[in-house]
Structure formats: structure tokens, C-alpha cells
Amino acid sequence: MTSAVLFDFGGTLDAVGVPWRDRVFRYFCEAGSPVSREAFDPVFFRADDALVGRIPTTLSFADTVSRLVTGVAAELDGSDPGRAGRVAARFLAEARATLREHQPLLERLARRYRLGIISNFYGNLSTVCGEVGLGGLFATVVDSARVGASKPAPTIFRHALSALEVEAARAVFVGDSVPRDLIGAREVGMRHVWLAPNAARDNRPCCPDDTVIHRLTELEELVR
């Protein structure tokens, strides 16, 4: 019997299987930024790394996204100074809409299971969850910058299981990243579910018998 359900945050709860890097790249391209994927990725990683553990734990979701996107924009083409603001606004609007869409499902699950989040984040994930209305649904929110370990390290998964007081065999982890989410959960003996809307494009889950879902709402019928 399942006692706990844990989730990744970015790309899983705030989107349908699309990580922040992919979304920010797409939004910059659609906003007219002349950048290739090969040039964009290292710029994103530098801006992302610059925030980890270096922002206030009380920083809002909007300010977090703004700092990330501004950091990316600073290294890209600067011909349009308003581009970063437009990208950040679109990111926030779509993320918040998806979080609102997922909230009824999470509320139903919270009545049956202990819920948790395990995320590679910046140190302020608890603030972000509270701001978007999810804080009261999760018994634990494990932020990599706060615990000093990042997925897929087993340490961060064990930290969450300990906080929930549940054995790995009685927990399910849901995430969009095979190397970070699924493999990390597998290493501690947790059942894992892959949120992969485009699984046909890269149909290689962590394990041959992994459950693959295309929308988070499919989870409700799978967790027993």
C-alpha cells in the first residue's frame, strides 16, 4: 500500500513534463532572441547556478523567475531591453496556470496520502509553494539548496522519506527527468513514475517496467 506521494517541482508541478531550461529557451526564441540551443544552454546554467543558495529564502516566485531570466538575458543579445520582462511574465503566467490546474488533484491526493516535494531549487521553494497556494498540501518540501544535496543523490530522497516518516517501498516519486528524478528514486528503492508528454520521442524510462504518464491527472488512478 502506498503511504506517500512525492513530486519534483519545476517541470512536474508547474508544467507538464517540460523543465525550466526548455521553457525559457522557447520563450526567448518566440520573443525574437537570435540564439541557438547550443549557445543558450551554458548561459542558462550559469544564470541558474548563480541563484543557488544566494537568494533570500523569502524571495517570491516572480522575483526568482525575474532574476533567472535577467541573468540569461544579460548574456544574450541585448538589442531589446524589454525582452527579459516579457519572457519572465509569460513563464510566470503559464506556470501559475498549470499549478492552479494541478491543485484539485493534489488536494484529493492529500486526503489519502502524505505528500512531499523534492526539488533542485534555490533555497526559497517553501516560500514559492506557499505563495502559489500549495504549501498546506505538502507535509515536507525538500529544497536542494537548503539540505546541501541535489537529485539524483540518494541523500535528498532519504531526507524527504525521513521527514514523512515513511519507508521507501511505500512511497511513489513523480518527476519529468530520468537522470535526476527516476534514477534518484530508484536508488533508494522508491517506485517512480515518469511524467513525459513526449515519451514517444525519447521512450527510454529509467527501468523497463516504469509507469509513464502524459499528464499529471493520470496519476490518480495509478497510485494505490
C-alpha atoms as a PDB file:
ATOM      1  CA  MET A   1       0.000   0.000   0.000  1.00  0.00           C
ATOM      2  CA  THR A   2       1.231   3.463  -0.880  1.00  0.00           C
ATOM      3  CA  SER A   3       1.525   5.881   2.038  1.00  0.00           C
ATOM      4  CA  ALA A   4       3.246   8.857   0.419  1.00  0.00           C
ATOM      5  CA  VAL A   5       3.483  10.532  -2.979  1.00  0.00           C
ATOM      6  CA  LEU A   6       6.403  12.841  -3.715  1.00  0.00           C
ATOM      7  CA  PHE A   7       6.873  15.193  -6.632  1.00  0.00           C
ATOM      8  CA  ASP A   8       9.502  17.176  -8.443  1.00  0.00           C
ATOM      9  CA  PHE A   9       8.520  20.867  -8.679  1.00  0.00           C
ATOM     10  CA  GLY A  10       9.923  22.516 -11.814  1.00  0.00           C
ATOM     11  CA  GLY A  11       8.654  20.747 -14.912  1.00  0.00           C
ATOM     12  CA  THR A  12       6.342  18.430 -12.972  1.00  0.00           C
ATOM     13  CA  LEU A  13       4.027  20.509 -10.795  1.00  0.00           C
ATOM     14  CA  ASP A  14       4.405  23.818 -12.647  1.00  0.00           C
ATOM     15  CA  ALA A  15       4.418  22.360 -16.176  1.00  0.00           C
ATOM     16  CA  VAL A  16       3.515  19.175 -17.985  1.00  0.00           C
ATOM     17  CA  GLY A  17       6.877  17.483 -18.187  1.00  0.00           C
ATOM     18  CA  VAL A  18       8.845  20.452 -19.562  1.00  0.00           C
ATOM     19  CA  PRO A  19      11.801  21.694 -17.456  1.00  0.00           C
ATOM     20  CA  TRP A  20      12.561  25.362 -16.833  1.00  0.00           C
ATOM     21  CA  ARG A  21      15.516  25.428 -19.241  1.00  0.00           C
ATOM     22  CA  ASP A  22      13.429  24.243 -22.190  1.00  0.00           C
ATOM     23  CA  ARG A  23      10.632  26.695 -21.442  1.00  0.00           C
ATOM     24  CA  VAL A  24      12.919  29.692 -21.005  1.00  0.00           C
ATOM     25  CA  PHE A  25      14.691  28.843 -24.272  1.00  0.00           C
ATOM     26  CA  ARG A  26      11.394  28.583 -26.144  1.00  0.00           C
ATOM     27  CA  TYR A  27      10.080  31.842 -24.705  1.00  0.00           C
ATOM     28  CA  PHE A  28      13.252  33.724 -25.639  1.00  0.00           C
ATOM     29  CA  CYS A  29      13.100  32.344 -29.177  1.00  0.00           C
ATOM     30  CA  GLU A  30       9.441  33.269 -29.542  1.00  0.00           C
ATOM     31  CA  ALA A  31      10.239  36.731 -28.185  1.00  0.00           C
ATOM     32  CA  GLY A  32      12.681  37.218 -31.054  1.00  0.00           C
ATOM     33  CA  SER A  33      16.012  36.376 -29.434  1.00  0.00           C
ATOM     34  CA  PRO A  34      18.524  35.144 -32.047  1.00  0.00           C
ATOM     35  CA  VAL A  35      20.107  32.313 -30.062  1.00  0.00           C
ATOM     36  CA  SER A  36      20.831  28.674 -30.832  1.00  0.00           C
ATOM     37  CA  ARG A  37      20.244  25.900 -28.332  1.00  0.00           C
ATOM     38  CA  GLU A  38      23.965  25.196 -28.190  1.00  0.00           C
ATOM     39  CA  ALA A  39      24.673  28.804 -27.208  1.00  0.00           C
ATOM     40  CA  PHE A  40      21.702  29.089 -24.862  1.00  0.00           C
ATOM     41  CA  ASP A  41      22.251  26.090 -22.586  1.00  0.00           C
ATOM     42  CA  PRO A  42      25.557  27.181 -20.979  1.00  0.00           C
ATOM     43  CA  VAL A  43      24.147  30.690 -20.495  1.00  0.00           C
ATOM     44  CA  PHE A  44      21.105  29.256 -18.716  1.00  0.00           C
ATOM     45  CA  PHE A  45      23.216  27.010 -16.477  1.00  0.00           C
ATOM     46  CA  ARG A  46      25.400  29.948 -15.406  1.00  0.00           C
ATOM     47  CA  ALA A  47      22.371  32.081 -14.557  1.00  0.00           C
ATOM     48  CA  ASP A  48      20.745  29.149 -12.760  1.00  0.00           C
ATOM     49  CA  ASP A  49      23.852  28.301 -10.726  1.00  0.00           C
ATOM     50  CA  ALA A  50      24.266  31.946  -9.741  1.00  0.00           C
ATOM     51  CA  LEU A  51      21.000  31.805  -7.775  1.00  0.00           C
ATOM     52  CA  VAL A  52      21.540  28.563  -5.863  1.00  0.00           C
ATOM     53  CA  GLY A  53      21.880  29.351  -2.178  1.00  0.00           C
ATOM     54  CA  ARG A  54      22.480  33.049  -2.942  1.00  0.00           C
ATOM     55  CA  ILE A  55      18.966  34.453  -2.769  1.00  0.00           C
ATOM     56  CA  PRO A  56      16.795  35.176   0.280  1.00  0.00           C
ATOM     57  CA  THR A  57      14.711  32.236   1.445  1.00  0.00           C
ATOM     58  CA  THR A  58      11.723  34.601   1.319  1.00  0.00           C
ATOM     59  CA  LEU A  59      12.187  35.606  -2.324  1.00  0.00           C
ATOM     60  CA  SER A  60       8.916  35.424  -4.272  1.00  0.00           C
ATOM     61  CA  PHE A  61       8.223  33.239  -7.296  1.00  0.00           C
ATOM     62  CA  ALA A  62       8.029  36.305  -9.538  1.00  0.00           C
ATOM     63  CA  ASP A  63      11.340  37.703  -8.320  1.00  0.00           C
ATOM     64  CA  THR A  64      13.010  34.299  -8.623  1.00  0.00           C
ATOM     65  CA  VAL A  65      11.976  33.937 -12.248  1.00  0.00           C
ATOM     66  CA  SER A  66      12.866  37.561 -12.947  1.00  0.00           C
ATOM     67  CA  ARG A  67      16.395  37.131 -11.577  1.00  0.00           C
ATOM     68  CA  LEU A  68      16.915  33.935 -13.567  1.00  0.00           C
ATOM     69  CA  VAL A  69      15.622  35.374 -16.832  1.00  0.00           C
ATOM     70  CA  THR A  70      17.504  38.662 -16.346  1.00  0.00           C
ATOM     71  CA  GLY A  71      20.694  36.675 -15.794  1.00  0.00           C
ATOM     72  CA  VAL A  72      20.110  34.792 -19.042  1.00  0.00           C
ATOM     73  CA  ALA A  73      19.232  37.950 -20.962  1.00  0.00           C
ATOM     74  CA  ALA A  74      22.389  39.703 -19.779  1.00  0.00           C
ATOM     75  CA  GLU A  75      24.489  37.266 -21.833  1.00  0.00           C
ATOM     76  CA  LEU A  76      22.211  37.105 -24.848  1.00  0.00           C
ATOM     77  CA  ASP A  77      21.509  39.732 -27.500  1.00  0.00           C
ATOM     78  CA  GLY A  78      20.767  42.998 -25.688  1.00  0.00           C
ATOM     79  CA  SER A  79      19.058  44.816 -28.558  1.00  0.00           C
ATOM     80  CA  ASP A  80      15.639  44.593 -26.853  1.00  0.00           C
ATOM     81  CA  PRO A  81      15.843  45.616 -23.179  1.00  0.00           C
ATOM     82  CA  GLY A  82      12.209  44.668 -22.591  1.00  0.00           C
ATOM     83  CA  ARG A  83      12.600  41.088 -23.775  1.00  0.00           C
ATOM     84  CA  ALA A  84      13.542  39.674 -20.366  1.00  0.00           C
ATOM     85  CA  GLY A  85      10.430  41.161 -18.792  1.00  0.00           C
ATOM     86  CA  ARG A  86       8.184  39.665 -21.429  1.00  0.00           C
ATOM     87  CA  VAL A  87       9.817  36.230 -21.103  1.00  0.00           C
ATOM     88  CA  ALA A  88       9.519  36.298 -17.309  1.00  0.00           C
ATOM     89  CA  ALA A  89       5.881  37.380 -17.450  1.00  0.00           C
ATOM     90  CA  ARG A  90       4.991  34.590 -19.856  1.00  0.00           C
ATOM     91  CA  PHE A  91       6.860  31.999 -17.806  1.00  0.00           C
ATOM     92  CA  LEU A  92       5.028  33.037 -14.643  1.00  0.00           C
ATOM     93  CA  ALA A  93       1.610  33.182 -16.279  1.00  0.00           C
ATOM     94  CA  GLU A  94       1.896  29.690 -17.720  1.00  0.00           C
ATOM     95  CA  ALA A  95       3.474  28.190 -14.584  1.00  0.00           C
ATOM     96  CA  ARG A  96       0.784  29.650 -12.334  1.00  0.00           C
ATOM     97  CA  ALA A  97      -1.969  28.457 -14.661  1.00  0.00           C
ATOM     98  CA  THR A  98      -0.583  24.908 -14.580  1.00  0.00           C
ATOM     99  CA  LEU A  99      -0.209  24.982 -10.795  1.00  0.00           C
ATOM    100  CA  ARG A 100      -3.872  26.051 -10.488  1.00  0.00           C
ATOM    101  CA  GLU A 101      -4.856  23.238 -12.840  1.00  0.00           C
ATOM    102  CA  HIS A 102      -2.987  20.686 -10.716  1.00  0.00           C
ATOM    103  CA  GLN A 103      -4.247  21.928  -7.358  1.00  0.00           C
ATOM    104  CA  PRO A 104      -7.557  19.978  -7.276  1.00  0.00           C
ATOM    105  CA  LEU A 105      -5.681  16.745  -7.978  1.00  0.00           C
ATOM    106  CA  LEU A 106      -3.168  17.491  -5.231  1.00  0.00           C
ATOM    107  CA  GLU A 107      -5.965  18.302  -2.797  1.00  0.00           C
ATOM    108  CA  ARG A 108      -7.596  14.930  -3.485  1.00  0.00           C
ATOM    109  CA  LEU A 109      -4.286  13.092  -3.118  1.00  0.00           C
ATOM    110  CA  ALA A 110      -3.536  14.927   0.134  1.00  0.00           C
ATOM    111  CA  ARG A 111      -6.684  13.436   1.650  1.00  0.00           C
ATOM    112  CA  ARG A 112      -5.342   9.916   1.011  1.00  0.00           C
ATOM    113  CA  TYR A 113      -1.552  10.187   1.203  1.00  0.00           C
ATOM    114  CA  ARG A 114       1.237  12.197   2.756  1.00  0.00           C
ATOM    115  CA  LEU A 115       2.608  14.472   0.042  1.00  0.00           C
ATOM    116  CA  GLY A 116       6.101  15.850  -0.417  1.00  0.00           C
ATOM    117  CA  ILE A 117       8.251  17.754  -2.871  1.00  0.00           C
ATOM    118  CA  ILE A 118      11.907  17.060  -3.669  1.00  0.00           C
ATOM    119  CA  SER A 119      13.414  19.718  -5.925  1.00  0.00           C
ATOM    120  CA  ASN A 120      16.754  21.025  -7.080  1.00  0.00           C
ATOM    121  CA  PHE A 121      15.943  24.640  -6.239  1.00  0.00           C
ATOM    122  CA  TYR A 122      17.472  27.869  -4.966  1.00  0.00           C
ATOM    123  CA  GLY A 123      16.692  27.853  -1.251  1.00  0.00           C
ATOM    124  CA  ASN A 124      13.266  29.525  -1.335  1.00  0.00           C
ATOM    125  CA  LEU A 125      10.998  26.727  -2.529  1.00  0.00           C
ATOM    126  CA  SER A 126       8.890  26.713   0.637  1.00  0.00           C
ATOM    127  CA  THR A 127       8.139  30.395   0.081  1.00  0.00           C
ATOM    128  CA  VAL A 128       7.222  29.754  -3.550  1.00  0.00           C
ATOM    129  CA  CYS A 129       4.907  26.867  -2.643  1.00  0.00           C
ATOM    130  CA  GLY A 130       3.163  28.941  -0.012  1.00  0.00           C
ATOM    131  CA  GLU A 131       2.743  31.828  -2.419  1.00  0.00           C
ATOM    132  CA  VAL A 132       1.094  29.695  -5.115  1.00  0.00           C
ATOM    133  CA  GLY A 133      -1.285  28.040  -2.658  1.00  0.00           C
ATOM    134  CA  LEU A 134       0.368  24.644  -2.337  1.00  0.00           C
ATOM    135  CA  GLY A 135       2.169  24.993   0.979  1.00  0.00           C
ATOM    136  CA  GLY A 136      -0.573  23.470   3.108  1.00  0.00           C
ATOM    137  CA  LEU A 137      -0.852  20.381   0.916  1.00  0.00           C
ATOM    138  CA  PHE A 138       2.696  19.113   1.408  1.00  0.00           C
ATOM    139  CA  ALA A 139       3.970  17.550   4.611  1.00  0.00           C
ATOM    140  CA  THR A 140       7.544  18.263   3.521  1.00  0.00           C
ATOM    141  CA  VAL A 141       9.202  20.486   0.919  1.00  0.00           C
ATOM    142  CA  VAL A 142      12.827  19.476   0.369  1.00  0.00           C
ATOM    143  CA  ASP A 143      14.886  22.144  -1.374  1.00  0.00           C
ATOM    144  CA  SER A 144      18.357  21.058  -2.503  1.00  0.00           C
ATOM    145  CA  ALA A 145      19.922  24.392  -1.556  1.00  0.00           C
ATOM    146  CA  ARG A 146      18.610  24.040   1.984  1.00  0.00           C
ATOM    147  CA  VAL A 147      19.684  20.441   2.604  1.00  0.00           C
ATOM    148  CA  GLY A 148      23.029  20.537   0.780  1.00  0.00           C
ATOM    149  CA  ALA A 149      22.291  17.689  -1.630  1.00  0.00           C
ATOM    150  CA  SER A 150      20.811  17.627  -5.121  1.00  0.00           C
ATOM    151  CA  LYS A 151      18.957  14.996  -7.095  1.00  0.00           C
ATOM    152  CA  PRO A 152      19.840  12.303  -8.015  1.00  0.00           C
ATOM    153  CA  ALA A 153      21.863  11.927  -4.790  1.00  0.00           C
ATOM    154  CA  PRO A 154      20.152   9.380  -2.521  1.00  0.00           C
ATOM    155  CA  THR A 155      20.675  11.746   0.427  1.00  0.00           C
ATOM    156  CA  ILE A 156      17.980  14.186  -0.699  1.00  0.00           C
ATOM    157  CA  PHE A 157      15.438  11.402  -1.239  1.00  0.00           C
ATOM    158  CA  ARG A 158      16.188   9.848   2.131  1.00  0.00           C
ATOM    159  CA  HIS A 159      15.829  13.253   3.763  1.00  0.00           C
ATOM    160  CA  ALA A 160      12.291  13.541   2.399  1.00  0.00           C
ATOM    161  CA  LEU A 161      11.352   9.986   3.391  1.00  0.00           C
ATOM    162  CA  SER A 162      12.614  10.611   6.905  1.00  0.00           C
ATOM    163  CA  ALA A 163      10.601  13.822   7.164  1.00  0.00           C
ATOM    164  CA  LEU A 164       7.486  11.950   6.058  1.00  0.00           C
ATOM    165  CA  GLU A 165       8.284   9.004   8.337  1.00  0.00           C
ATOM    166  CA  VAL A 166       7.614   6.543   5.543  1.00  0.00           C
ATOM    167  CA  GLU A 167       9.629   3.673   4.096  1.00  0.00           C
ATOM    168  CA  ALA A 168      10.824   3.945   0.504  1.00  0.00           C
ATOM    169  CA  ALA A 169       8.823   0.884  -0.517  1.00  0.00           C
ATOM    170  CA  ARG A 170       5.611   2.665   0.489  1.00  0.00           C
ATOM    171  CA  ALA A 171       6.333   5.867  -1.430  1.00  0.00           C
ATOM    172  CA  VAL A 172       5.990   6.925  -5.066  1.00  0.00           C
ATOM    173  CA  PHE A 173       8.042   9.643  -6.740  1.00  0.00           C
ATOM    174  CA  VAL A 174       6.771  11.536  -9.789  1.00  0.00           C
ATOM    175  CA  GLY A 175       9.127  13.545 -11.971  1.00  0.00           C
ATOM    176  CA  ASP A 176       9.937  14.583 -15.525  1.00  0.00           C
ATOM    177  CA  SER A 177      13.699  13.895 -15.519  1.00  0.00           C
ATOM    178  CA  VAL A 178      15.020  10.374 -15.969  1.00  0.00           C
ATOM    179  CA  PRO A 179      18.589  11.055 -14.723  1.00  0.00           C
ATOM    180  CA  ARG A 180      17.594  13.238 -11.758  1.00  0.00           C
ATOM    181  CA  ASP A 181      14.145  12.079 -10.668  1.00  0.00           C
ATOM    182  CA  LEU A 182      13.677   8.480 -11.721  1.00  0.00           C
ATOM    183  CA  ILE A 183      17.206   7.223 -11.187  1.00  0.00           C
ATOM    184  CA  GLY A 184      17.447   9.009  -7.846  1.00  0.00           C
ATOM    185  CA  ALA A 185      14.197   7.459  -6.638  1.00  0.00           C
ATOM    186  CA  ARG A 186      15.251   4.043  -7.919  1.00  0.00           C
ATOM    187  CA  GLU A 187      18.499   4.192  -5.957  1.00  0.00           C
ATOM    188  CA  VAL A 188      16.610   4.417  -2.656  1.00  0.00           C
ATOM    189  CA  GLY A 189      14.023   1.789  -3.589  1.00  0.00           C
ATOM    190  CA  MET A 190      11.136   4.121  -4.368  1.00  0.00           C
ATOM    191  CA  ARG A 191       8.576   3.358  -7.045  1.00  0.00           C
ATOM    192  CA  HIS A 192       8.838   6.062  -9.701  1.00  0.00           C
ATOM    193  CA  VAL A 193       6.526   7.492 -12.341  1.00  0.00           C
ATOM    194  CA  TRP A 194       7.777   9.394 -15.377  1.00  0.00           C
ATOM    195  CA  LEU A 195       5.800  12.453 -16.478  1.00  0.00           C
ATOM    196  CA  ALA A 196       6.696  12.513 -20.171  1.00  0.00           C
ATOM    197  CA  PRO A 197       4.207  14.095 -22.582  1.00  0.00           C
ATOM    198  CA  ASN A 198       6.581  13.351 -25.476  1.00  0.00           C
ATOM    199  CA  ALA A 199       7.669   9.882 -24.412  1.00  0.00           C
ATOM    200  CA  ALA A 200       7.322   8.586 -27.960  1.00  0.00           C
ATOM    201  CA  ARG A 201      10.184  10.905 -28.938  1.00  0.00           C
ATOM    202  CA  ASP A 202      12.551   9.549 -26.284  1.00  0.00           C
ATOM    203  CA  ASN A 203      10.952   6.392 -24.987  1.00  0.00           C
ATOM    204  CA  ARG A 204      13.687   5.391 -22.573  1.00  0.00           C
ATOM    205  CA  PRO A 205      12.462   5.440 -18.984  1.00  0.00           C
ATOM    206  CA  CYS A 206      14.647   4.569 -16.029  1.00  0.00           C
ATOM    207  CA  CYS A 207      13.571   0.923 -15.868  1.00  0.00           C
ATOM    208  CA  PRO A 208      11.840  -1.241 -18.497  1.00  0.00           C
ATOM    209  CA  ASP A 209       8.633  -1.534 -16.481  1.00  0.00           C
ATOM    210  CA  ASP A 210       8.382   2.123 -15.413  1.00  0.00           C
ATOM    211  CA  THR A 211       4.986   3.749 -15.458  1.00  0.00           C
ATOM    212  CA  VAL A 212       4.842   6.623 -17.950  1.00  0.00           C
ATOM    213  CA  ILE A 213       2.127   9.281 -17.787  1.00  0.00           C
ATOM    214  CA  HIS A 214       1.452  12.099 -20.216  1.00  0.00           C
ATOM    215  CA  ARG A 215      -0.451  14.332 -17.811  1.00  0.00           C
ATOM    216  CA  LEU A 216      -0.313  14.564 -14.035  1.00  0.00           C
ATOM    217  CA  THR A 217      -4.036  13.862 -13.770  1.00  0.00           C
ATOM    218  CA  GLU A 218      -3.367  10.284 -14.918  1.00  0.00           C
ATOM    219  CA  LEU A 219      -1.597   9.679 -11.620  1.00  0.00           C
ATOM    220  CA  GLU A 220      -4.747   9.416  -9.537  1.00  0.00           C
ATOM    221  CA  GLU A 221      -5.755   6.056 -10.973  1.00  0.00           C
ATOM    222  CA  LEU A 222      -2.244   4.618 -10.685  1.00  0.00           C
ATOM    223  CA  VAL A 223      -1.445   5.277  -7.044  1.00  0.00           C
ATOM    224  CA  ARG A 224      -2.937   2.641  -4.771  1.00  0.00           C
END
